[in-house]
Amino acid sequence: MSFGGSILLLVIGAILTFALNVKLGFLNLDIVGIVLMAAGALGLALTSWAYANRRRTARTTVVEPDGGDLPPPPDAL
């Protein structure tokens, strides 16, 4: 889940919990909204953790001891 998906779950959950006053006999929209907000918060935390770990990866460059593909110095001709 990405940042956008997590924030979308948070927004939809908040709308269901705080903005709607619809009574359904078989479904409690407040509980559904709280579950969606919890899922969005968990997704946001996991996505942030995954991006933070990906940025911490070290990159190394291998350099040949003789200079690699560099031409020889002018006095060696």
N, C-alpha and C. Protein backbone atom coordinates (compact mmCIF):
# COMPACT_ATOMS: atom_id res chain seq x y z
N MET A 1 0.85 -1.16 0.00
CA MET A 1 0.00 0.00 0.00
C MET A 1 0.90 1.24 0.00
N SER A 2 0.52 2.22 -0.74
CA SER A 2 1.33 3.42 -0.84
C SER A 2 0.79 4.50 0.12
N PHE A 3 1.48 5.65 0.09
CA PHE A 3 1.05 6.75 0.93
C PHE A 3 -0.37 7.19 0.57
N GLY A 4 -0.64 7.28 -0.73
CA GLY A 4 -1.96 7.72 -1.18
C GLY A 4 -3.07 6.79 -0.76
N GLY A 5 -2.84 5.49 -0.88
CA GLY A 5 -3.85 4.51 -0.47
C GLY A 5 -4.10 4.56 1.02
N SER A 6 -3.05 4.74 1.80
CA SER A 6 -3.20 4.82 3.25
C SER A 6 -3.99 6.06 3.66
N ILE A 7 -3.68 7.17 3.05
CA ILE A 7 -4.39 8.41 3.37
C ILE A 7 -5.84 8.31 2.92
N LEU A 8 -6.09 7.65 1.78
CA LEU A 8 -7.46 7.46 1.32
C LEU A 8 -8.26 6.64 2.33
N LEU A 9 -7.68 5.58 2.86
CA LEU A 9 -8.37 4.78 3.88
C LEU A 9 -8.65 5.61 5.13
N LEU A 10 -7.69 6.42 5.53
CA LEU A 10 -7.91 7.29 6.69
C LEU A 10 -9.07 8.26 6.46
N VAL A 11 -9.12 8.86 5.28
CA VAL A 11 -10.16 9.84 4.98
C VAL A 11 -11.54 9.17 4.91
N ILE A 12 -11.62 8.04 4.22
CA ILE A 12 -12.91 7.35 4.11
C ILE A 12 -13.38 6.89 5.49
N GLY A 13 -12.45 6.37 6.30
CA GLY A 13 -12.82 5.95 7.65
C GLY A 13 -13.30 7.10 8.51
N ALA A 14 -12.63 8.25 8.39
CA ALA A 14 -13.06 9.42 9.17
C ALA A 14 -14.42 9.91 8.72
N ILE A 15 -14.69 9.88 7.43
CA ILE A 15 -16.01 10.29 6.94
C ILE A 15 -17.09 9.35 7.46
N LEU A 16 -16.83 8.05 7.39
CA LEU A 16 -17.82 7.09 7.88
C LEU A 16 -18.05 7.23 9.39
N THR A 17 -17.00 7.51 10.13
CA THR A 17 -17.12 7.57 11.59
C THR A 17 -17.72 8.89 12.07
N PHE A 18 -17.23 10.00 11.55
CA PHE A 18 -17.58 11.29 12.13
C PHE A 18 -18.62 12.10 11.34
N ALA A 19 -18.75 11.87 10.04
CA ALA A 19 -19.61 12.74 9.24
C ALA A 19 -20.97 12.14 8.93
N LEU A 20 -21.07 10.83 8.92
CA LEU A 20 -22.34 10.21 8.56
C LEU A 20 -23.12 9.79 9.80
N ASN A 21 -24.43 10.01 9.75
CA ASN A 21 -25.32 9.57 10.83
C ASN A 21 -26.40 8.65 10.26
N VAL A 22 -25.97 7.72 9.43
CA VAL A 22 -26.90 6.79 8.80
C VAL A 22 -27.00 5.55 9.68
N LYS A 23 -28.22 5.11 9.91
CA LYS A 23 -28.44 3.91 10.73
C LYS A 23 -28.78 2.75 9.81
N LEU A 24 -27.94 1.75 9.83
CA LEU A 24 -28.21 0.52 9.10
C LEU A 24 -28.40 -0.58 10.13
N GLY A 25 -29.42 -1.39 9.96
CA GLY A 25 -29.73 -2.41 10.95
C GLY A 25 -28.66 -3.48 11.08
N PHE A 26 -28.00 -3.81 10.00
CA PHE A 26 -27.05 -4.92 10.01
C PHE A 26 -25.58 -4.48 10.02
N LEU A 27 -25.33 -3.17 9.92
CA LEU A 27 -23.94 -2.70 9.80
C LEU A 27 -23.76 -1.43 10.62
N ASN A 28 -22.77 -1.42 11.47
CA ASN A 28 -22.43 -0.23 12.25
C ASN A 28 -21.32 0.52 11.52
N LEU A 29 -21.67 1.65 10.91
CA LEU A 29 -20.71 2.40 10.11
C LEU A 29 -19.60 3.02 10.95
N ASP A 30 -19.85 3.27 12.22
CA ASP A 30 -18.81 3.80 13.10
C ASP A 30 -17.67 2.79 13.25
N ILE A 31 -18.02 1.53 13.43
CA ILE A 31 -17.00 0.48 13.58
C ILE A 31 -16.25 0.29 12.27
N VAL A 32 -16.97 0.30 11.15
CA VAL A 32 -16.32 0.16 9.83
C VAL A 32 -15.33 1.32 9.63
N GLY A 33 -15.72 2.53 9.99
CA GLY A 33 -14.84 3.68 9.84
C GLY A 33 -13.60 3.57 10.72
N ILE A 34 -13.77 3.10 11.94
CA ILE A 34 -12.63 2.94 12.84
C ILE A 34 -11.67 1.89 12.30
N VAL A 35 -12.22 0.80 11.77
CA VAL A 35 -11.37 -0.25 11.19
C VAL A 35 -10.61 0.29 9.98
N LEU A 36 -11.28 1.06 9.13
CA LEU A 36 -10.59 1.64 7.97
C LEU A 36 -9.50 2.62 8.39
N MET A 37 -9.78 3.43 9.41
CA MET A 37 -8.75 4.37 9.88
C MET A 37 -7.56 3.62 10.48
N ALA A 38 -7.82 2.54 11.19
CA ALA A 38 -6.72 1.74 11.75
C ALA A 38 -5.89 1.11 10.63
N ALA A 39 -6.56 0.59 9.61
CA ALA A 39 -5.84 0.01 8.48
C ALA A 39 -5.03 1.07 7.75
N GLY A 40 -5.58 2.26 7.59
CA GLY A 40 -4.85 3.35 6.93
C GLY A 40 -3.65 3.79 7.74
N ALA A 41 -3.79 3.87 9.05
CA ALA A 41 -2.66 4.26 9.91
C ALA A 41 -1.57 3.20 9.88
N LEU A 42 -1.97 1.93 9.92
CA LEU A 42 -0.98 0.85 9.84
C LEU A 42 -0.28 0.85 8.49
N GLY A 43 -1.04 1.05 7.42
CA GLY A 43 -0.43 1.12 6.09
C GLY A 43 0.51 2.29 5.95
N LEU A 44 0.15 3.43 6.53
CA LEU A 44 1.02 4.60 6.48
C LEU A 44 2.31 4.36 7.24
N ALA A 45 2.22 3.72 8.40
CA ALA A 45 3.41 3.42 9.19
C ALA A 45 4.32 2.42 8.47
N LEU A 46 3.72 1.37 7.90
CA LEU A 46 4.53 0.36 7.20
C LEU A 46 5.16 0.93 5.93
N THR A 47 4.44 1.76 5.21
CA THR A 47 5.00 2.38 4.01
C THR A 47 6.14 3.32 4.37
N SER A 48 5.98 4.10 5.43
CA SER A 48 7.06 4.99 5.87
C SER A 48 8.29 4.19 6.28
N TRP A 49 8.08 3.09 6.99
CA TRP A 49 9.19 2.25 7.42
C TRP A 49 9.90 1.63 6.22
N ALA A 50 9.14 1.18 5.24
CA ALA A 50 9.73 0.55 4.06
C ALA A 50 10.55 1.57 3.26
N TYR A 51 10.03 2.78 3.09
CA TYR A 51 10.78 3.80 2.36
C TYR A 51 12.02 4.24 3.12
N ALA A 52 11.94 4.30 4.43
CA ALA A 52 13.11 4.70 5.23
C ALA A 52 14.21 3.65 5.12
N ASN A 53 13.84 2.37 5.13
CA ASN A 53 14.84 1.32 4.99
C ASN A 53 15.42 1.27 3.60
N ARG A 54 14.65 1.59 2.59
CA ARG A 54 15.16 1.56 1.22
C ARG A 54 16.17 2.68 1.00
N ARG A 55 15.96 3.82 1.63
CA ARG A 55 16.90 4.93 1.46
C ARG A 55 18.21 4.71 2.19
N ARG A 56 18.22 3.84 3.19
CA ARG A 56 19.41 3.60 3.98
C ARG A 56 20.40 2.64 3.30
N THR A 57 20.03 2.08 2.18
CA THR A 57 20.88 1.12 1.49
C THR A 57 22.13 1.82 0.96
N ALA A 58 23.28 1.22 1.24
CA ALA A 58 24.56 1.81 0.81
C ALA A 58 24.85 1.39 -0.63
N ARG A 59 25.42 2.31 -1.37
CA ARG A 59 25.83 2.00 -2.74
C ARG A 59 27.34 2.12 -2.81
N THR A 60 27.95 1.14 -3.43
CA THR A 60 29.41 1.15 -3.56
C THR A 60 29.79 1.15 -5.03
N THR A 61 30.94 1.71 -5.31
CA THR A 61 31.46 1.75 -6.67
C THR A 61 32.83 1.07 -6.66
N VAL A 62 33.02 0.18 -7.63
CA VAL A 62 34.28 -0.53 -7.73
C VAL A 62 35.18 0.24 -8.70
N VAL A 63 36.37 0.55 -8.25
CA VAL A 63 37.34 1.27 -9.08
C VAL A 63 38.52 0.33 -9.32
N GLU A 64 38.87 0.20 -10.59
CA GLU A 64 40.01 -0.65 -10.95
C GLU A 64 41.31 -0.01 -10.44
N PRO A 65 42.27 -0.81 -9.95
CA PRO A 65 43.51 -0.24 -9.42
C PRO A 65 44.34 0.49 -10.46
N ASP A 66 44.25 0.09 -11.74
CA ASP A 66 45.07 0.75 -12.77
C ASP A 66 44.33 1.88 -13.46
N GLY A 67 43.18 2.26 -12.95
CA GLY A 67 42.44 3.37 -13.54
C GLY A 67 41.36 2.92 -14.49
N GLY A 68 41.23 1.65 -14.74
CA GLY A 68 40.16 1.14 -15.59
C GLY A 68 40.38 1.45 -17.04
N ASP A 69 39.45 2.16 -17.65
CA ASP A 69 39.48 2.44 -19.08
C ASP A 69 40.19 3.76 -19.41
N LEU A 70 40.90 4.32 -18.49
CA LEU A 70 41.59 5.58 -18.75
C LEU A 70 42.76 5.34 -19.70
N PRO A 71 43.03 6.29 -20.60
CA PRO A 71 44.19 6.12 -21.48
C PRO A 71 45.49 6.24 -20.68
N PRO A 72 46.57 5.68 -21.18
CA PRO A 72 47.84 5.77 -20.46
C PRO A 72 48.33 7.23 -20.41
N PRO A 73 49.13 7.56 -19.41
CA PRO A 73 49.65 8.94 -19.33
C PRO A 73 50.55 9.22 -20.54
N PRO A 74 50.69 10.52 -20.91
CA PRO A 74 51.44 10.88 -22.13
C PRO A 74 52.92 10.45 -22.09
N ASP A 75 53.57 10.42 -20.94
CA ASP A 75 55.00 10.07 -20.90
C ASP A 75 55.22 8.57 -21.03
N ALA A 76 54.18 7.76 -20.99
CA ALA A 76 54.34 6.31 -21.11
C ALA A 76 54.32 5.88 -22.57
N LEU A 77 54.07 6.77 -23.50
CA LEU A 77 54.06 6.40 -24.92
C LEU A 77 55.42 6.28 -25.41
